[in-house]
């Protein structure tokens, strides 16, 4: 049996591949085993900021006024 690949069939197969990848990525992201790793990664942008010495000391803020 010879199957002729038309542009519609190629687009349909591409859609199926992208849908399967989307479902797989969604399952990977929302897996509860990965929650601690994602919680740690969520704080990475703030890793280089200095921490206040005491918890009662107010953090310095920057003004947006000129």
PDB file of N, CA and C in Angstrom:
ATOM      1  N   UNK A   1       0.841  -1.170   0.000  1.00  0.00           N
ATOM      2  CA  UNK A   1       0.000   0.000   0.000  1.00  0.00           C
ATOM      3  C   UNK A   1       0.892   1.240   0.000  1.00  0.00           C
ATOM      4  N   UNK A   2       0.697   2.099  -0.941  1.00  0.00           N
ATOM      5  CA  UNK A   2       1.481   3.320  -1.076  1.00  0.00           C
ATOM      6  C   UNK A   2       0.636   4.484  -0.567  1.00  0.00           C
ATOM      7  N   UNK A   3       1.221   5.243   0.369  1.00  0.00           N
ATOM      8  CA  UNK A   3       0.530   6.401   0.927  1.00  0.00           C
ATOM      9  C   UNK A   3       1.196   7.648   0.377  1.00  0.00           C
ATOM     10  N   UNK A   4       0.396   8.466  -0.237  1.00  0.00           N
ATOM     11  CA  UNK A   4       0.910   9.703  -0.795  1.00  0.00           C
ATOM     12  C   UNK A   4       0.803  10.803   0.258  1.00  0.00           C
ATOM     13  N   UNK A   5       1.919  11.442   0.578  1.00  0.00           N
ATOM     14  CA  UNK A   5       1.918  12.489   1.599  1.00  0.00           C
ATOM     15  C   UNK A   5       1.547  13.820   0.967  1.00  0.00           C
ATOM     16  N   UNK A   6       0.393  14.293   1.298  1.00  0.00           N
ATOM     17  CA  UNK A   6      -0.022  15.607   0.819  1.00  0.00           C
ATOM     18  C   UNK A   6       0.364  16.650   1.863  1.00  0.00           C
ATOM     19  N   UNK A   7       0.258  17.907   1.491  1.00  0.00           N
ATOM     20  CA  UNK A   7       0.614  18.969   2.436  1.00  0.00           C
ATOM     21  C   UNK A   7      -0.333  18.975   3.630  1.00  0.00           C
ATOM     22  N   UNK A   8      -1.588  18.599   3.421  1.00  0.00           N
ATOM     23  CA  UNK A   8      -2.539  18.530   4.529  1.00  0.00           C
ATOM     24  C   UNK A   8      -2.171  17.450   5.528  1.00  0.00           C
ATOM     25  N   UNK A   9      -1.700  16.301   5.032  1.00  0.00           N
ATOM     26  CA  UNK A   9      -1.319  15.223   5.925  1.00  0.00           C
ATOM     27  C   UNK A   9      -0.052  15.590   6.707  1.00  0.00           C
ATOM     28  N   UNK A  10       0.878  16.263   6.048  1.00  0.00           N
ATOM     29  CA  UNK A  10       2.098  16.688   6.733  1.00  0.00           C
ATOM     30  C   UNK A  10       1.766  17.695   7.826  1.00  0.00           C
ATOM     31  N   UNK A  11       0.885  18.629   7.540  1.00  0.00           N
ATOM     32  CA  UNK A  11       0.458  19.595   8.554  1.00  0.00           C
ATOM     33  C   UNK A  11      -0.277  18.909   9.697  1.00  0.00           C
ATOM     34  N   UNK A  12      -1.093  17.928   9.386  1.00  0.00           N
ATOM     35  CA  UNK A  12      -1.802  17.190  10.423  1.00  0.00           C
ATOM     36  C   UNK A  12      -0.849  16.425  11.317  1.00  0.00           C
ATOM     37  N   UNK A  13       0.157  15.780  10.726  1.00  0.00           N
ATOM     38  CA  UNK A  13       1.147  15.070  11.525  1.00  0.00           C
ATOM     39  C   UNK A  13       1.961  16.040  12.381  1.00  0.00           C
ATOM     40  N   UNK A  14       2.269  17.192  11.837  1.00  0.00           N
ATOM     41  CA  UNK A  14       2.969  18.216  12.613  1.00  0.00           C
ATOM     42  C   UNK A  14       2.139  18.685  13.798  1.00  0.00           C
ATOM     43  N   UNK A  15       0.845  18.838  13.594  1.00  0.00           N
ATOM     44  CA  UNK A  15      -0.047  19.228  14.676  1.00  0.00           C
ATOM     45  C   UNK A  15      -0.076  18.169  15.769  1.00  0.00           C
ATOM     46  N   UNK A  16      -0.117  16.905  15.377  1.00  0.00           N
ATOM     47  CA  UNK A  16      -0.118  15.811  16.356  1.00  0.00           C
ATOM     48  C   UNK A  16       1.185  15.804  17.145  1.00  0.00           C
ATOM     49  N   UNK A  17       2.308  16.012  16.483  1.00  0.00           N
ATOM     50  CA  UNK A  17       3.609  16.025  17.167  1.00  0.00           C
ATOM     51  C   UNK A  17       3.669  17.174  18.176  1.00  0.00           C
ATOM     52  N   UNK A  18       3.216  18.354  17.778  1.00  0.00           N
ATOM     53  CA  UNK A  18       3.243  19.506  18.676  1.00  0.00           C
ATOM     54  C   UNK A  18       2.293  19.289  19.853  1.00  0.00           C
ATOM     55  N   UNK A  19       1.131  18.685  19.604  1.00  0.00           N
ATOM     56  CA  UNK A  19       0.178  18.421  20.684  1.00  0.00           C
ATOM     57  C   UNK A  19       0.759  17.424  21.687  1.00  0.00           C
ATOM     58  N   UNK A  20       1.391  16.376  21.202  1.00  0.00           N
ATOM     59  CA  UNK A  20       2.007  15.386  22.101  1.00  0.00           C
ATOM     60  C   UNK A  20       3.121  16.044  22.909  1.00  0.00           C
ATOM     61  N   UNK A  21       3.915  16.899  22.292  1.00  0.00           N
ATOM     62  CA  UNK A  21       4.972  17.607  23.015  1.00  0.00           C
ATOM     63  C   UNK A  21       4.384  18.534  24.075  1.00  0.00           C
ATOM     64  N   UNK A  22       3.291  19.200  23.760  1.00  0.00           N
ATOM     65  CA  UNK A  22       2.628  20.087  24.713  1.00  0.00           C
ATOM     66  C   UNK A  22       2.112  19.311  25.915  1.00  0.00           C
ATOM     67  N   UNK A  23       1.466  18.191  25.677  1.00  0.00           N
ATOM     68  CA  UNK A  23       0.942  17.375  26.774  1.00  0.00           C
ATOM     69  C   UNK A  23       2.095  16.845  27.632  1.00  0.00           C
ATOM     70  N   UNK A  24       3.159  16.370  26.991  1.00  0.00           N
ATOM     71  CA  UNK A  24       4.308  15.869  27.739  1.00  0.00           C
ATOM     72  C   UNK A  24       4.963  16.946  28.578  1.00  0.00           C
ATOM     73  N   UNK A  25       5.141  18.130  28.018  1.00  0.00           N
ATOM     74  CA  UNK A  25       5.733  19.234  28.758  1.00  0.00           C
ATOM     75  C   UNK A  25       4.831  19.661  29.912  1.00  0.00           C
ATOM     76  N   UNK A  26       3.532  19.686  29.692  1.00  0.00           N
ATOM     77  CA  UNK A  26       2.597  20.044  30.763  1.00  0.00           C
ATOM     78  C   UNK A  26       2.665  19.039  31.905  1.00  0.00           C
ATOM     79  N   UNK A  27       2.723  17.764  31.586  1.00  0.00           N
ATOM     80  CA  UNK A  27       2.830  16.742  32.635  1.00  0.00           C
ATOM     81  C   UNK A  27       4.152  16.884  33.392  1.00  0.00           C
ATOM     82  N   UNK A  28       5.226  17.222  32.701  1.00  0.00           N
ATOM     83  CA  UNK A  28       6.529  17.374  33.341  1.00  0.00           C
ATOM     84  C   UNK A  28       6.530  18.584  34.280  1.00  0.00           C
ATOM     85  N   UNK A  29       5.940  19.689  33.831  1.00  0.00           N
ATOM     86  CA  UNK A  29       5.946  20.914  34.631  1.00  0.00           C
ATOM     87  C   UNK A  29       5.067  20.769  35.867  1.00  0.00           C
ATOM     88  N   UNK A  30       3.905  20.177  35.722  1.00  0.00           N
ATOM     89  CA  UNK A  30       2.967  20.103  36.834  1.00  0.00           C
ATOM     90  C   UNK A  30       3.108  18.826  37.663  1.00  0.00           C
ATOM     91  N   UNK A  31       4.189  18.106  37.489  1.00  0.00           N
ATOM     92  CA  UNK A  31       4.468  16.922  38.286  1.00  0.00           C
ATOM     93  C   UNK A  31       4.847  17.369  39.694  1.00  0.00           C
ATOM     94  N   UNK A  32       4.239  16.779  40.716  1.00  0.00           N
ATOM     95  CA  UNK A  32       4.485  17.218  42.092  1.00  0.00           C
ATOM     96  C   UNK A  32       5.910  16.899  42.558  1.00  0.00           C
ATOM     97  N   UNK A  33       6.583  15.971  41.922  1.00  0.00           N
ATOM     98  CA  UNK A  33       7.958  15.656  42.303  1.00  0.00           C
ATOM     99  C   UNK A  33       8.900  16.821  41.999  1.00  0.00           C
ATOM    100  N   UNK A  34       8.575  17.642  41.026  1.00  0.00           N
ATOM    101  CA  UNK A  34       9.450  18.731  40.606  1.00  0.00           C
ATOM    102  C   UNK A  34       9.188  20.030  41.363  1.00  0.00           C
ATOM    103  N   UNK A  35       8.202  20.058  42.223  1.00  0.00           N
ATOM    104  CA  UNK A  35       7.839  21.286  42.922  1.00  0.00           C
ATOM    105  C   UNK A  35       8.991  21.890  43.729  1.00  0.00           C
ATOM    106  N   UNK A  36       9.761  21.107  44.516  1.00  0.00           N
ATOM    107  CA  UNK A  36      10.872  21.726  45.260  1.00  0.00           C
ATOM    108  C   UNK A  36      11.947  22.326  44.350  1.00  0.00           C
ATOM    109  N   UNK A  37      12.238  21.673  43.252  1.00  0.00           N
ATOM    110  CA  UNK A  37      13.252  22.200  42.335  1.00  0.00           C
ATOM    111  C   UNK A  37      12.769  23.498  41.690  1.00  0.00           C
ATOM    112  N   UNK A  38      11.503  23.554  41.329  1.00  0.00           N
ATOM    113  CA  UNK A  38      10.974  24.772  40.733  1.00  0.00           C
ATOM    114  C   UNK A  38      10.858  25.887  41.769  1.00  0.00           C
ATOM    115  N   UNK A  39      10.579  25.539  43.031  1.00  0.00           N
ATOM    116  CA  UNK A  39      10.513  26.561  44.078  1.00  0.00           C
ATOM    117  C   UNK A  39      11.886  27.191  44.284  1.00  0.00           C
ATOM    118  N   UNK A  40      12.930  26.388  44.222  1.00  0.00           N
ATOM    119  CA  UNK A  40      14.283  26.918  44.352  1.00  0.00           C
ATOM    120  C   UNK A  40      14.650  27.769  43.130  1.00  0.00           C
ATOM    121  N   UNK A  41      14.310  27.308  41.956  1.00  0.00           N
ATOM    122  CA  UNK A  41      14.630  28.052  40.734  1.00  0.00           C
ATOM    123  C   UNK A  41      13.858  29.363  40.657  1.00  0.00           C
ATOM    124  N   UNK A  42      12.679  29.402  41.256  1.00  0.00           N
ATOM    125  CA  UNK A  42      11.869  30.617  41.233  1.00  0.00           C
ATOM    126  C   UNK A  42      12.565  31.751  41.975  1.00  0.00           C
ATOM    127  N   UNK A  43      13.421  31.428  42.956  1.00  0.00           N
ATOM    128  CA  UNK A  43      14.099  32.452  43.743  1.00  0.00           C
ATOM    129  C   UNK A  43      15.473  32.827  43.203  1.00  0.00           C
ATOM    130  N   UNK A  44      15.933  32.196  42.139  1.00  0.00           N
ATOM    131  CA  UNK A  44      17.263  32.474  41.596  1.00  0.00           C
ATOM    132  C   UNK A  44      17.497  33.939  41.204  1.00  0.00           C
ATOM    133  N   UNK A  45      16.532  34.675  40.665  1.00  0.00           N
ATOM    134  CA  UNK A  45      16.806  36.078  40.328  1.00  0.00           C
ATOM    135  C   UNK A  45      17.168  36.927  41.540  1.00  0.00           C
ATOM    136  N   UNK A  46      16.781  36.488  42.744  1.00  0.00           N
ATOM    137  CA  UNK A  46      17.045  37.261  43.948  1.00  0.00           C
ATOM    138  C   UNK A  46      18.261  36.744  44.716  1.00  0.00           C
ATOM    139  N   UNK A  47      18.996  35.803  44.173  1.00  0.00           N
ATOM    140  CA  UNK A  47      20.100  35.171  44.889  1.00  0.00           C
ATOM    141  C   UNK A  47      21.259  36.121  45.144  1.00  0.00           C
ATOM    142  N   UNK A  48      21.479  37.114  44.294  1.00  0.00           N
ATOM    143  CA  UNK A  48      22.620  38.006  44.462  1.00  0.00           C
ATOM    144  C   UNK A  48      22.310  39.242  45.301  1.00  0.00           C
ATOM    145  N   UNK A  49      21.086  39.392  45.772  1.00  0.00           N
ATOM    146  CA  UNK A  49      20.733  40.540  46.602  1.00  0.00           C
ATOM    147  C   UNK A  49      21.214  40.316  48.030  1.00  0.00           C
ATOM    148  N   UNK A  50      21.750  41.349  48.669  1.00  0.00           N
ATOM    149  CA  UNK A  50      22.200  41.195  50.057  1.00  0.00           C
ATOM    150  C   UNK A  50      21.009  41.002  50.991  1.00  0.00           C
ATOM    151  N   UNK A  51      21.195  40.158  51.975  1.00  0.00           N
ATOM    152  CA  UNK A  51      20.150  39.884  52.955  1.00  0.00           C
ATOM    153  C   UNK A  51      20.307  40.850  54.122  1.00  0.00           C
ATOM    154  N   UNK A  52      19.207  41.334  54.707  1.00  0.00           N
ATOM    155  CA  UNK A  52      19.328  42.207  55.878  1.00  0.00           C
ATOM    156  C   UNK A  52      19.915  41.422  57.059  1.00  0.00           C
ATOM    157  N   UNK A  53      20.687  42.136  57.914  1.00  0.00           N
ATOM    158  CA  UNK A  53      21.350  41.485  59.042  1.00  0.00           C
ATOM    159  C   UNK A  53      20.367  41.013  60.105  1.00  0.00           C
ATOM    160  N   UNK A  54      19.388  41.837  60.412  1.00  0.00           N
ATOM    161  CA  UNK A  54      18.411  41.429  61.426  1.00  0.00           C
ATOM    162  C   UNK A  54      17.019  41.451  60.813  1.00  0.00           C
ATOM    163  N   UNK A  55      16.128  40.589  61.298  1.00  0.00           N
ATOM    164  CA  UNK A  55      14.778  40.554  60.729  1.00  0.00           C
ATOM    165  C   UNK A  55      13.972  41.810  61.056  1.00  0.00           C
ATOM    166  N   UNK A  56      14.385  42.582  62.098  1.00  0.00           N
ATOM    167  CA  UNK A  56      13.636  43.778  62.472  1.00  0.00           C
ATOM    168  C   UNK A  56      14.102  45.012  61.710  1.00  0.00           C
ATOM    169  N   UNK A  57      15.209  44.888  61.015  1.00  0.00           N
ATOM    170  CA  UNK A  57      15.748  46.016  60.261  1.00  0.00           C
ATOM    171  C   UNK A  57      14.958  46.169  58.957  1.00  0.00           C
ATOM    172  N   UNK A  58      14.419  47.362  58.686  1.00  0.00           N
ATOM    173  CA  UNK A  58      13.653  47.523  57.440  1.00  0.00           C
ATOM    174  C   UNK A  58      14.568  47.469  56.226  1.00  0.00           C
ATOM    175  N   UNK A  59      14.084  46.868  55.199  1.00  0.00           N
ATOM    176  CA  UNK A  59      14.854  46.770  53.960  1.00  0.00           C
ATOM    177  C   UNK A  59      14.850  48.124  53.268  1.00  0.00           C
ATOM    178  N   UNK A  60      15.959  48.477  52.666  1.00  0.00           N
ATOM    179  CA  UNK A  60      16.032  49.744  51.957  1.00  0.00           C
ATOM    180  C   UNK A  60      15.313  49.591  50.617  1.00  0.00           C
ATOM    181  N   UNK A  61      14.586  50.609  50.265  1.00  0.00           N
ATOM    182  CA  UNK A  61      13.861  50.600  48.997  1.00  0.00           C
ATOM    183  C   UNK A  61      14.354  51.757  48.149  1.00  0.00           C
ATOM    184  N   UNK A  62      14.218  51.599  46.886  1.00  0.00           N
ATOM    185  CA  UNK A  62      14.616  52.642  45.942  1.00  0.00           C
ATOM    186  C   UNK A  62      13.410  53.465  45.564  1.00  0.00           C
ATOM    187  N   UNK A  63      13.611  54.726  45.475  1.00  0.00           N
ATOM    188  CA  UNK A  63      12.538  55.619  45.070  1.00  0.00           C
ATOM    189  C   UNK A  63      12.478  55.683  43.548  1.00  0.00           C
ATOM    190  N   UNK A  64      11.273  55.790  43.036  1.00  0.00           N
ATOM    191  CA  UNK A  64      11.126  55.941  41.588  1.00  0.00           C
ATOM    192  C   UNK A  64      10.969  57.403  41.202  1.00  0.00           C
ATOM    193  N   UNK A  65      11.020  58.290  42.173  1.00  0.00           N
ATOM    194  CA  UNK A  65      10.907  59.715  41.900  1.00  0.00           C
ATOM    195  C   UNK A  65      12.252  60.256  41.429  1.00  0.00           C
ATOM    196  N   UNK A  66      12.242  61.243  40.529  1.00  0.00           N
ATOM    197  CA  UNK A  66      13.513  61.841  40.063  1.00  0.00           C
ATOM    198  C   UNK A  66      14.157  62.721  41.121  1.00  0.00           C
TER     199      UNK A  66
END
